[in-house]
Amino acid sequence: MNRSEHKKARNVVLAAFYALLFAACGAREDPKFRSDLDEFVKKGSILNSYTAQGVSYQTFADQLARTSAAFDILSESWPKDRLQSARIGFSKAVYVWSVTLKVWKRQLRGEKYLLYAGDDLNQINEVLEAMERMPVAQGTREDEKAYLKTMVSEMMSYASEKFETGRKELSAK
């Protein structure tokens, strides 16, 4: 083997070594995952912006559908061993935004509050669960009301906080 062939062979071996090293360290990222992540963050950022500035129900619902679809696609390509705290933050944000939509719809039908009883209590507990709070036991606060306007506002803020947590986790890595 002449000197030029030896140099080429050495470069091939070094390139293979570095490729294996980067793969083992997680430095090389799946391009599909990166593309899916970028798409979700873009769509989620729009929805997050809507929650901060105010938005109509229909615009929110449409953007939530796009954001949820992007998250579903992202979930399929998300590596099991990477950025799990970001994944959890994003997942919670999408879930809370979805529950928010249900509560908001009731508000648009003219309802002002939910009672702490029956089916309304089930809805309240779904909200509390989404926001990682303790559920209310049946029959404990039947004379109280949960105001829908306040619930929607708090849920949007909570979802926004979880989305931002996910984004911060991405930038920290």
C-alpha atoms as a PDB file:
ATOM      1  CA  MET A   1       0.000   0.000   0.000  1.00  0.00           C
ATOM      2  CA  ASN A   2       1.440   3.352  -0.973  1.00  0.00           C
ATOM      3  CA  ARG A   3       1.420   6.425   1.216  1.00  0.00           C
ATOM      4  CA  SER A   4      -1.691   7.975  -0.412  1.00  0.00           C
ATOM      5  CA  GLU A   5      -3.719   4.752  -0.015  1.00  0.00           C
ATOM      6  CA  HIS A   6      -2.551   4.438   3.587  1.00  0.00           C
ATOM      7  CA  LYS A   7      -3.685   8.002   4.308  1.00  0.00           C
ATOM      8  CA  LYS A   8      -7.113   7.359   2.745  1.00  0.00           C
ATOM      9  CA  ALA A   9      -7.553   4.137   4.709  1.00  0.00           C
ATOM     10  CA  ARG A  10      -6.589   5.889   7.931  1.00  0.00           C
ATOM     11  CA  ASN A  11      -9.095   8.707   7.213  1.00  0.00           C
ATOM     12  CA  VAL A  12     -11.863   6.160   6.578  1.00  0.00           C
ATOM     13  CA  VAL A  13     -11.091   4.380   9.847  1.00  0.00           C
ATOM     14  CA  LEU A  14     -10.984   7.687  11.748  1.00  0.00           C
ATOM     15  CA  ALA A  15     -14.275   8.817  10.186  1.00  0.00           C
ATOM     16  CA  ALA A  16     -15.915   5.529  11.161  1.00  0.00           C
ATOM     17  CA  PHE A  17     -14.507   5.802  14.681  1.00  0.00           C
ATOM     18  CA  TYR A  18     -15.835   9.353  15.143  1.00  0.00           C
ATOM     19  CA  ALA A  19     -19.219   8.401  13.703  1.00  0.00           C
ATOM     20  CA  LEU A  20     -19.486   5.565  16.233  1.00  0.00           C
ATOM     21  CA  LEU A  21     -18.294   7.814  19.045  1.00  0.00           C
ATOM     22  CA  PHE A  22     -20.833  10.537  18.226  1.00  0.00           C
ATOM     23  CA  ALA A  23     -23.616   7.989  17.891  1.00  0.00           C
ATOM     24  CA  ALA A  24     -22.697   6.437  21.251  1.00  0.00           C
ATOM     25  CA  CYS A  25     -22.651   9.861  22.921  1.00  0.00           C
ATOM     26  CA  GLY A  26     -25.935  10.890  21.370  1.00  0.00           C
ATOM     27  CA  ALA A  27     -24.309  13.775  19.528  1.00  0.00           C
ATOM     28  CA  ARG A  28     -25.855  12.709  16.239  1.00  0.00           C
ATOM     29  CA  GLU A  29     -29.530  13.386  16.071  1.00  0.00           C
ATOM     30  CA  ASP A  30     -32.122  11.734  13.889  1.00  0.00           C
ATOM     31  CA  PRO A  31     -33.030  14.284  11.193  1.00  0.00           C
ATOM     32  CA  LYS A  32     -36.709  13.182  11.232  1.00  0.00           C
ATOM     33  CA  PHE A  33     -36.895  13.770  14.980  1.00  0.00           C
ATOM     34  CA  ARG A  34     -35.317  17.216  14.599  1.00  0.00           C
ATOM     35  CA  SER A  35     -37.708  18.103  11.782  1.00  0.00           C
ATOM     36  CA  ASP A  36     -40.742  16.833  13.739  1.00  0.00           C
ATOM     37  CA  LEU A  37     -39.581  18.672  16.854  1.00  0.00           C
ATOM     38  CA  ASP A  38     -39.081  21.929  14.963  1.00  0.00           C
ATOM     39  CA  GLU A  39     -42.547  21.620  13.402  1.00  0.00           C
ATOM     40  CA  PHE A  40     -44.201  20.952  16.761  1.00  0.00           C
ATOM     41  CA  VAL A  41     -42.377  23.807  18.493  1.00  0.00           C
ATOM     42  CA  LYS A  42     -43.390  26.145  15.675  1.00  0.00           C
ATOM     43  CA  LYS A  43     -47.081  25.173  15.893  1.00  0.00           C
ATOM     44  CA  GLY A  44     -47.031  25.064  19.690  1.00  0.00           C
ATOM     45  CA  SER A  45     -45.415  28.496  19.856  1.00  0.00           C
ATOM     46  CA  ILE A  46     -48.249  29.936  17.786  1.00  0.00           C
ATOM     47  CA  LEU A  47     -50.826  28.361  20.112  1.00  0.00           C
ATOM     48  CA  ASN A  48     -48.875  29.521  23.142  1.00  0.00           C
ATOM     49  CA  SER A  49     -48.806  33.048  21.752  1.00  0.00           C
ATOM     50  CA  TYR A  50     -52.573  32.902  21.256  1.00  0.00           C
ATOM     51  CA  THR A  51     -53.072  31.965  24.894  1.00  0.00           C
ATOM     52  CA  ALA A  52     -51.054  34.984  26.005  1.00  0.00           C
ATOM     53  CA  GLN A  53     -52.667  37.598  23.771  1.00  0.00           C
ATOM     54  CA  GLY A  54     -56.232  36.360  23.550  1.00  0.00           C
ATOM     55  CA  VAL A  55     -57.816  34.375  20.783  1.00  0.00           C
ATOM     56  CA  SER A  56     -61.214  33.318  19.505  1.00  0.00           C
ATOM     57  CA  TYR A  57     -62.484  29.847  20.326  1.00  0.00           C
ATOM     58  CA  GLN A  58     -62.409  28.713  16.679  1.00  0.00           C
ATOM     59  CA  THR A  59     -58.872  29.991  16.041  1.00  0.00           C
ATOM     60  CA  PHE A  60     -57.710  28.298  19.244  1.00  0.00           C
ATOM     61  CA  ALA A  61     -59.445  25.031  18.282  1.00  0.00           C
ATOM     62  CA  ASP A  62     -57.938  25.064  14.783  1.00  0.00           C
ATOM     63  CA  GLN A  63     -54.420  25.751  16.045  1.00  0.00           C
ATOM     64  CA  LEU A  64     -54.810  23.147  18.799  1.00  0.00           C
ATOM     65  CA  ALA A  65     -55.715  20.569  16.141  1.00  0.00           C
ATOM     66  CA  ARG A  66     -52.546  21.429  14.172  1.00  0.00           C
ATOM     67  CA  THR A  67     -50.411  21.429  17.337  1.00  0.00           C
ATOM     68  CA  SER A  68     -51.850  18.118  18.573  1.00  0.00           C
ATOM     69  CA  ALA A  69     -51.263  16.479  15.191  1.00  0.00           C
ATOM     70  CA  ALA A  70     -47.678  17.741  15.151  1.00  0.00           C
ATOM     71  CA  PHE A  71     -47.150  16.374  18.675  1.00  0.00           C
ATOM     72  CA  ASP A  72     -48.584  12.977  17.698  1.00  0.00           C
ATOM     73  CA  ILE A  73     -46.128  12.799  14.781  1.00  0.00           C
ATOM     74  CA  LEU A  74     -43.266  13.969  17.000  1.00  0.00           C
ATOM     75  CA  SER A  75     -44.101  11.336  19.623  1.00  0.00           C
ATOM     76  CA  GLU A  76     -43.521   8.607  17.036  1.00  0.00           C
ATOM     77  CA  SER A  77     -39.973   9.777  16.302  1.00  0.00           C
ATOM     78  CA  TRP A  78     -38.988  10.928  19.821  1.00  0.00           C
ATOM     79  CA  PRO A  79     -35.985   8.896  21.068  1.00  0.00           C
ATOM     80  CA  LYS A  80     -36.802   7.028  24.276  1.00  0.00           C
ATOM     81  CA  ASP A  81     -33.604   8.138  25.978  1.00  0.00           C
ATOM     82  CA  ARG A  82     -33.443  11.832  25.086  1.00  0.00           C
ATOM     83  CA  LEU A  83     -34.999  15.020  26.376  1.00  0.00           C
ATOM     84  CA  GLN A  84     -37.685  13.275  28.403  1.00  0.00           C
ATOM     85  CA  SER A  85     -38.403  16.279  30.633  1.00  0.00           C
ATOM     86  CA  ALA A  86     -39.097  18.381  27.519  1.00  0.00           C
ATOM     87  CA  ARG A  87     -41.364  15.637  26.208  1.00  0.00           C
ATOM     88  CA  ILE A  88     -43.307  15.561  29.487  1.00  0.00           C
ATOM     89  CA  GLY A  89     -43.707  19.350  29.499  1.00  0.00           C
ATOM     90  CA  PHE A  90     -44.975  19.366  25.921  1.00  0.00           C
ATOM     91  CA  SER A  91     -47.309  16.446  26.548  1.00  0.00           C
ATOM     92  CA  LYS A  92     -48.858  18.171  29.564  1.00  0.00           C
ATOM     93  CA  ALA A  93     -49.270  21.419  27.629  1.00  0.00           C
ATOM     94  CA  VAL A  94     -51.124  19.687  24.786  1.00  0.00           C
ATOM     95  CA  TYR A  95     -53.318  17.771  27.231  1.00  0.00           C
ATOM     96  CA  VAL A  96     -54.250  20.866  29.248  1.00  0.00           C
ATOM     97  CA  TRP A  97     -54.962  22.848  26.071  1.00  0.00           C
ATOM     98  CA  SER A  98     -57.315  20.024  25.004  1.00  0.00           C
ATOM     99  CA  VAL A  99     -59.177  20.045  28.316  1.00  0.00           C
ATOM    100  CA  THR A 100     -59.325  23.851  28.146  1.00  0.00           C
ATOM    101  CA  LEU A 101     -61.152  23.594  24.837  1.00  0.00           C
ATOM    102  CA  LYS A 102     -63.859  21.409  26.418  1.00  0.00           C
ATOM    103  CA  VAL A 103     -64.403  23.821  29.299  1.00  0.00           C
ATOM    104  CA  TRP A 104     -64.363  26.839  26.981  1.00  0.00           C
ATOM    105  CA  LYS A 105     -67.038  25.226  24.805  1.00  0.00           C
ATOM    106  CA  ARG A 106     -69.351  25.012  27.805  1.00  0.00           C
ATOM    107  CA  GLN A 107     -68.713  28.660  28.528  1.00  0.00           C
ATOM    108  CA  LEU A 108     -69.660  29.562  24.949  1.00  0.00           C
ATOM    109  CA  ARG A 109     -72.945  27.701  25.359  1.00  0.00           C
ATOM    110  CA  GLY A 110     -73.833  30.278  27.991  1.00  0.00           C
ATOM    111  CA  GLU A 111     -72.826  28.395  31.106  1.00  0.00           C
ATOM    112  CA  LYS A 112     -71.061  30.516  33.693  1.00  0.00           C
ATOM    113  CA  TYR A 113     -69.931  27.930  36.202  1.00  0.00           C
ATOM    114  CA  LEU A 114     -69.699  24.258  37.074  1.00  0.00           C
ATOM    115  CA  LEU A 115     -71.185  22.875  40.266  1.00  0.00           C
ATOM    116  CA  TYR A 116     -69.152  20.646  42.524  1.00  0.00           C
ATOM    117  CA  ALA A 117     -71.597  17.784  41.926  1.00  0.00           C
ATOM    118  CA  GLY A 118     -72.553  15.185  39.322  1.00  0.00           C
ATOM    119  CA  ASP A 119     -71.189  15.501  35.793  1.00  0.00           C
ATOM    120  CA  ASP A 120     -69.916  19.006  36.511  1.00  0.00           C
ATOM    121  CA  LEU A 121     -67.711  17.588  39.250  1.00  0.00           C
ATOM    122  CA  ASN A 122     -66.308  15.091  36.752  1.00  0.00           C
ATOM    123  CA  GLN A 123     -65.368  18.008  34.471  1.00  0.00           C
ATOM    124  CA  ILE A 124     -63.832  19.920  37.393  1.00  0.00           C
ATOM    125  CA  ASN A 125     -61.785  16.883  38.382  1.00  0.00           C
ATOM    126  CA  GLU A 126     -60.596  16.439  34.799  1.00  0.00           C
ATOM    127  CA  VAL A 127     -59.347  20.029  34.932  1.00  0.00           C
ATOM    128  CA  LEU A 128     -57.716  19.497  38.321  1.00  0.00           C
ATOM    129  CA  GLU A 129     -56.045  16.299  37.113  1.00  0.00           C
ATOM    130  CA  ALA A 130     -54.788  18.049  33.986  1.00  0.00           C
ATOM    131  CA  MET A 131     -53.277  20.748  36.180  1.00  0.00           C
ATOM    132  CA  GLU A 132     -51.758  18.151  38.545  1.00  0.00           C
ATOM    133  CA  ARG A 133     -53.991  19.053  41.482  1.00  0.00           C
ATOM    134  CA  MET A 134     -55.938  16.852  43.847  1.00  0.00           C
ATOM    135  CA  PRO A 135     -59.457  15.932  42.721  1.00  0.00           C
ATOM    136  CA  VAL A 136     -62.524  16.914  44.747  1.00  0.00           C
ATOM    137  CA  ALA A 137     -64.470  14.088  46.374  1.00  0.00           C
ATOM    138  CA  GLN A 138     -68.150  13.691  45.514  1.00  0.00           C
ATOM    139  CA  GLY A 139     -70.464  15.532  47.914  1.00  0.00           C
ATOM    140  CA  THR A 140     -67.820  17.623  49.670  1.00  0.00           C
ATOM    141  CA  ARG A 141     -68.464  21.066  48.162  1.00  0.00           C
ATOM    142  CA  GLU A 142     -71.850  20.846  46.413  1.00  0.00           C
ATOM    143  CA  ASP A 143     -72.802  24.409  47.334  1.00  0.00           C
ATOM    144  CA  GLU A 144     -69.719  25.877  45.628  1.00  0.00           C
ATOM    145  CA  LYS A 145     -69.215  26.842  41.987  1.00  0.00           C
ATOM    146  CA  ALA A 146     -66.204  26.834  39.708  1.00  0.00           C
ATOM    147  CA  TYR A 147     -66.418  29.748  37.277  1.00  0.00           C
ATOM    148  CA  LEU A 148     -65.645  28.756  33.704  1.00  0.00           C
ATOM    149  CA  LYS A 149     -63.999  32.031  32.722  1.00  0.00           C
ATOM    150  CA  THR A 150     -61.529  31.681  35.594  1.00  0.00           C
ATOM    151  CA  MET A 151     -60.927  28.012  34.801  1.00  0.00           C
ATOM    152  CA  VAL A 152     -60.171  28.710  31.121  1.00  0.00           C
ATOM    153  CA  SER A 153     -57.782  31.509  32.034  1.00  0.00           C
ATOM    154  CA  GLU A 154     -55.935  29.429  34.641  1.00  0.00           C
ATOM    155  CA  MET A 155     -55.710  26.424  32.332  1.00  0.00           C
ATOM    156  CA  MET A 156     -54.289  28.478  29.476  1.00  0.00           C
ATOM    157  CA  SER A 157     -51.677  29.919  31.817  1.00  0.00           C
ATOM    158  CA  TYR A 158     -50.801  26.466  33.125  1.00  0.00           C
ATOM    159  CA  ALA A 159     -50.507  24.988  29.614  1.00  0.00           C
ATOM    160  CA  SER A 160     -48.327  27.902  28.566  1.00  0.00           C
ATOM    161  CA  GLU A 161     -46.075  27.322  31.573  1.00  0.00           C
ATOM    162  CA  LYS A 162     -45.683  23.631  30.680  1.00  0.00           C
ATOM    163  CA  PHE A 163     -44.949  24.438  27.034  1.00  0.00           C
ATOM    164  CA  GLU A 164     -42.283  26.956  28.074  1.00  0.00           C
ATOM    165  CA  THR A 165     -40.799  24.382  30.446  1.00  0.00           C
ATOM    166  CA  GLY A 166     -40.449  22.009  27.489  1.00  0.00           C
ATOM    167  CA  ARG A 167     -38.813  24.686  25.365  1.00  0.00           C
ATOM    168  CA  LYS A 168     -36.365  25.583  28.141  1.00  0.00           C
ATOM    169  CA  GLU A 169     -35.399  21.924  28.480  1.00  0.00           C
ATOM    170  CA  LEU A 170     -34.582  21.873  24.757  1.00  0.00           C
ATOM    171  CA  SER A 171     -32.372  24.917  24.935  1.00  0.00           C
ATOM    172  CA  ALA A 172     -30.590  23.582  28.030  1.00  0.00           C
ATOM    173  CA  LYS A 173     -29.382  20.520  26.125  1.00  0.00           C
END
